[in-house]
C-alpha cells in the first residue's frame, strides 16, 4: 500500500508539473496574442493617419504648387550676380579693387583698405539678396578699422 501511495504521489507530482508547464505555456501564448493584437491596432491607427494625410496632400496639391512657385519666383531677384553686386556696392558706398567673373557663374571681389563695419553691412545685405558667400578672407591693415578682403560669391 505504501508503494501504491508513493506511485500515486509521484504521478500526481508529474501531473502537477505538466499542468503547471501547460498553464505557463498558455499564459505566454495569451500575453503574446495581447501584445500582437495591440501592435496591429497601433499599425492600423498609423495607417489610417497616413492615409488621411495623403488624401489631404492630394487635395491641396494645387495650393502647394502655387506656394512653391511664389516662394521661388517672388523673393529671388532676377538680376545677374554682377549687377546685384555692383548695385549693393553703390548702396553701401564701397569700392572693390577688382571684380573677377569666373567661368562657373561665380565671381571674386577684392577690397583694399575698406572700412570693416561697412564691409560687414554689405555682406549682410548681400546675403539677403540671394548672394551666397562661398569663401572669404579678411586681413587687418595698419590703420585701425580698415581691412583688406577677398570674397568669392555665387548665386
Protein backbone atom coordinates (compact mmCIF):
# COMPACT_ATOMS: atom_id res chain seq x y z
CA UNK A 1 0.00 0.00 0.00
CA UNK A 2 2.91 2.23 0.74
CA UNK A 3 4.29 1.69 -2.76
CA UNK A 4 0.90 2.42 -4.27
CA UNK A 5 0.74 5.61 -2.30
CA UNK A 6 4.27 6.66 -3.40
CA UNK A 7 3.44 5.86 -7.05
CA UNK A 8 0.24 7.86 -6.79
CA UNK A 9 2.10 10.78 -5.19
CA UNK A 10 4.79 10.68 -7.88
CA UNK A 11 2.12 10.51 -10.60
CA UNK A 12 0.28 13.50 -9.13
CA UNK A 13 3.56 15.45 -8.84
CA UNK A 14 4.38 14.78 -12.51
CA UNK A 15 0.82 15.67 -13.45
CA UNK A 16 1.10 18.91 -11.43
CA UNK A 17 4.35 19.82 -13.21
CA UNK A 18 2.80 19.09 -16.59
CA UNK A 19 -0.30 21.10 -15.78
CA UNK A 20 1.89 23.90 -14.50
CA UNK A 21 4.00 23.81 -17.69
CA UNK A 22 0.89 23.77 -19.86
CA UNK A 23 -0.61 26.62 -17.83
CA UNK A 24 2.62 28.64 -18.23
CA UNK A 25 2.66 27.96 -21.96
CA UNK A 26 -0.97 29.09 -22.25
CA UNK A 27 -0.15 32.25 -20.27
CA UNK A 28 2.79 33.03 -22.60
CA UNK A 29 0.57 32.48 -25.64
CA UNK A 30 -2.16 34.70 -24.20
CA UNK A 31 0.29 37.53 -23.45
CA UNK A 32 1.81 37.18 -26.93
CA UNK A 33 -1.61 37.40 -28.51
CA UNK A 34 -2.44 40.51 -26.49
CA UNK A 35 0.85 42.18 -27.48
CA UNK A 36 0.44 41.28 -31.16
CA UNK A 37 -3.13 42.48 -31.17
CA UNK A 38 -2.19 45.84 -29.61
CA UNK A 39 0.72 46.23 -32.06
CA UNK A 40 -1.56 45.54 -35.01
CA UNK A 41 -4.09 48.02 -33.65
CA UNK A 42 -1.28 50.63 -33.43
CA UNK A 43 -0.26 49.89 -37.04
CA UNK A 44 -3.88 50.25 -38.08
CA UNK A 45 -4.06 53.67 -36.43
CA UNK A 46 -0.82 54.76 -38.07
CA UNK A 47 -2.01 53.50 -41.46
CA UNK A 48 -5.29 55.39 -41.12
CA UNK A 49 -3.47 58.60 -40.15
CA UNK A 50 -1.05 58.25 -43.08
CA UNK A 51 -3.97 57.64 -45.43
CA UNK A 52 -5.74 60.78 -44.18
CA UNK A 53 -2.53 62.82 -44.59
CA UNK A 54 -2.16 61.55 -48.16
CA UNK A 55 -5.75 62.49 -49.00
CA UNK A 56 -5.17 65.96 -47.52
CA UNK A 57 -1.95 66.44 -49.52
CA UNK A 58 -3.55 65.22 -52.73
CA UNK A 59 -6.45 67.60 -52.22
CA UNK A 60 -4.11 70.56 -51.71
CA UNK A 61 -1.57 69.88 -54.49
CA UNK A 62 -2.55 72.96 -56.47
CA UNK A 63 -2.21 75.17 -53.41
CA UNK A 64 1.18 73.64 -52.56
CA UNK A 65 2.42 74.19 -56.13
CA UNK A 66 1.28 77.81 -56.02
CA UNK A 67 3.06 78.43 -52.70
CA UNK A 68 6.24 76.79 -54.01
CA UNK A 69 6.23 78.86 -57.20
CA UNK A 70 5.53 82.05 -55.23
CA UNK A 71 8.49 81.38 -52.96
CA UNK A 72 10.91 80.52 -55.74
CA UNK A 73 9.86 83.34 -58.01
CA UNK A 74 8.97 86.41 -56.00
CA UNK A 75 11.74 86.59 -53.41
CA UNK A 76 14.73 85.78 -55.60
CA UNK A 77 15.97 88.70 -57.70
CA UNK A 78 16.26 88.09 -61.41
CA UNK A 79 19.34 90.31 -61.82
CA UNK A 80 22.72 88.81 -62.59
CA UNK A 81 25.24 88.30 -59.83
CA UNK A 82 27.41 91.08 -61.25
CA UNK A 83 24.59 93.65 -61.41
CA UNK A 84 23.35 92.76 -57.92
CA UNK A 85 26.88 93.03 -56.54
CA UNK A 86 27.50 96.40 -58.21
CA UNK A 87 24.17 97.79 -57.00
CA UNK A 88 24.88 96.70 -53.42
CA UNK A 89 28.40 98.14 -53.58
CA UNK A 90 26.96 101.51 -54.66
CA UNK A 91 24.27 101.42 -51.95
CA UNK A 92 26.88 100.81 -49.25
CA UNK A 93 29.42 103.22 -50.78
CA UNK A 94 32.05 100.51 -51.17
CA UNK A 95 34.64 100.30 -53.92
CA UNK A 96 36.22 97.00 -54.77
CA UNK A 97 39.75 97.00 -56.09
CA UNK A 98 38.85 94.19 -58.52
CA UNK A 99 35.85 92.15 -59.67
CA UNK A 100 36.71 88.94 -61.48
CA UNK A 101 33.89 86.86 -63.01
CA UNK A 102 34.59 83.10 -63.04
CA UNK A 103 33.53 80.56 -65.68
CA UNK A 104 31.09 78.82 -63.35
CA UNK A 105 28.97 81.97 -62.83
CA UNK A 106 30.62 82.89 -59.55
CA UNK A 107 32.85 85.91 -59.03
CA UNK A 108 35.74 87.09 -56.89
CA UNK A 109 35.87 90.52 -55.27
CA UNK A 110 38.90 92.17 -53.71
CA UNK A 111 38.89 95.15 -51.36
CA UNK A 112 41.89 97.24 -50.31
CA UNK A 113 41.73 99.45 -47.21
CA UNK A 114 37.97 99.12 -46.71
CA UNK A 115 36.07 100.01 -43.55
CA UNK A 116 35.37 96.76 -41.67
CA UNK A 117 31.95 97.89 -40.43
CA UNK A 118 30.83 98.95 -43.91
CA UNK A 119 32.06 95.64 -45.38
CA UNK A 120 30.11 93.65 -42.76
CA UNK A 121 26.94 95.64 -43.50
CA UNK A 122 27.44 94.94 -47.21
CA UNK A 123 27.90 91.19 -46.55
CA UNK A 124 24.68 91.13 -44.53
CA UNK A 125 22.80 92.92 -47.31
CA UNK A 126 24.31 90.64 -49.97
CA UNK A 127 23.12 87.54 -48.16
CA UNK A 128 19.59 89.00 -48.07
CA UNK A 129 19.74 89.40 -51.88
CA UNK A 130 20.36 85.70 -52.57
CA UNK A 131 24.11 86.20 -52.94
CA UNK A 132 25.99 83.30 -51.39
CA UNK A 133 29.38 83.99 -49.85
CA UNK A 134 31.41 80.93 -50.85
CA UNK A 135 34.77 81.98 -49.43
CA UNK A 136 36.02 84.99 -47.50
CA UNK A 137 39.41 86.18 -46.35
CA UNK A 138 39.80 89.36 -44.28
CA UNK A 139 43.11 90.82 -43.10
CA UNK A 140 43.66 93.70 -40.72
CA UNK A 141 45.67 96.67 -42.03
CA UNK A 142 47.95 99.03 -40.13
CA UNK A 143 45.11 101.57 -39.99
CA UNK A 144 42.53 100.82 -37.25
CA UNK A 145 39.11 99.97 -38.68
CA UNK A 146 40.36 99.25 -42.19
CA UNK A 147 40.79 95.79 -43.70
CA UNK A 148 41.70 94.13 -46.95
CA UNK A 149 39.32 91.42 -48.10
CA UNK A 150 38.91 88.83 -50.81
CA UNK A 151 35.46 87.30 -51.37
CA UNK A 152 34.13 84.54 -53.61
CA UNK A 153 30.43 84.94 -54.40
CA UNK A 154 27.83 82.84 -56.20
CA UNK A 155 24.05 82.67 -56.58
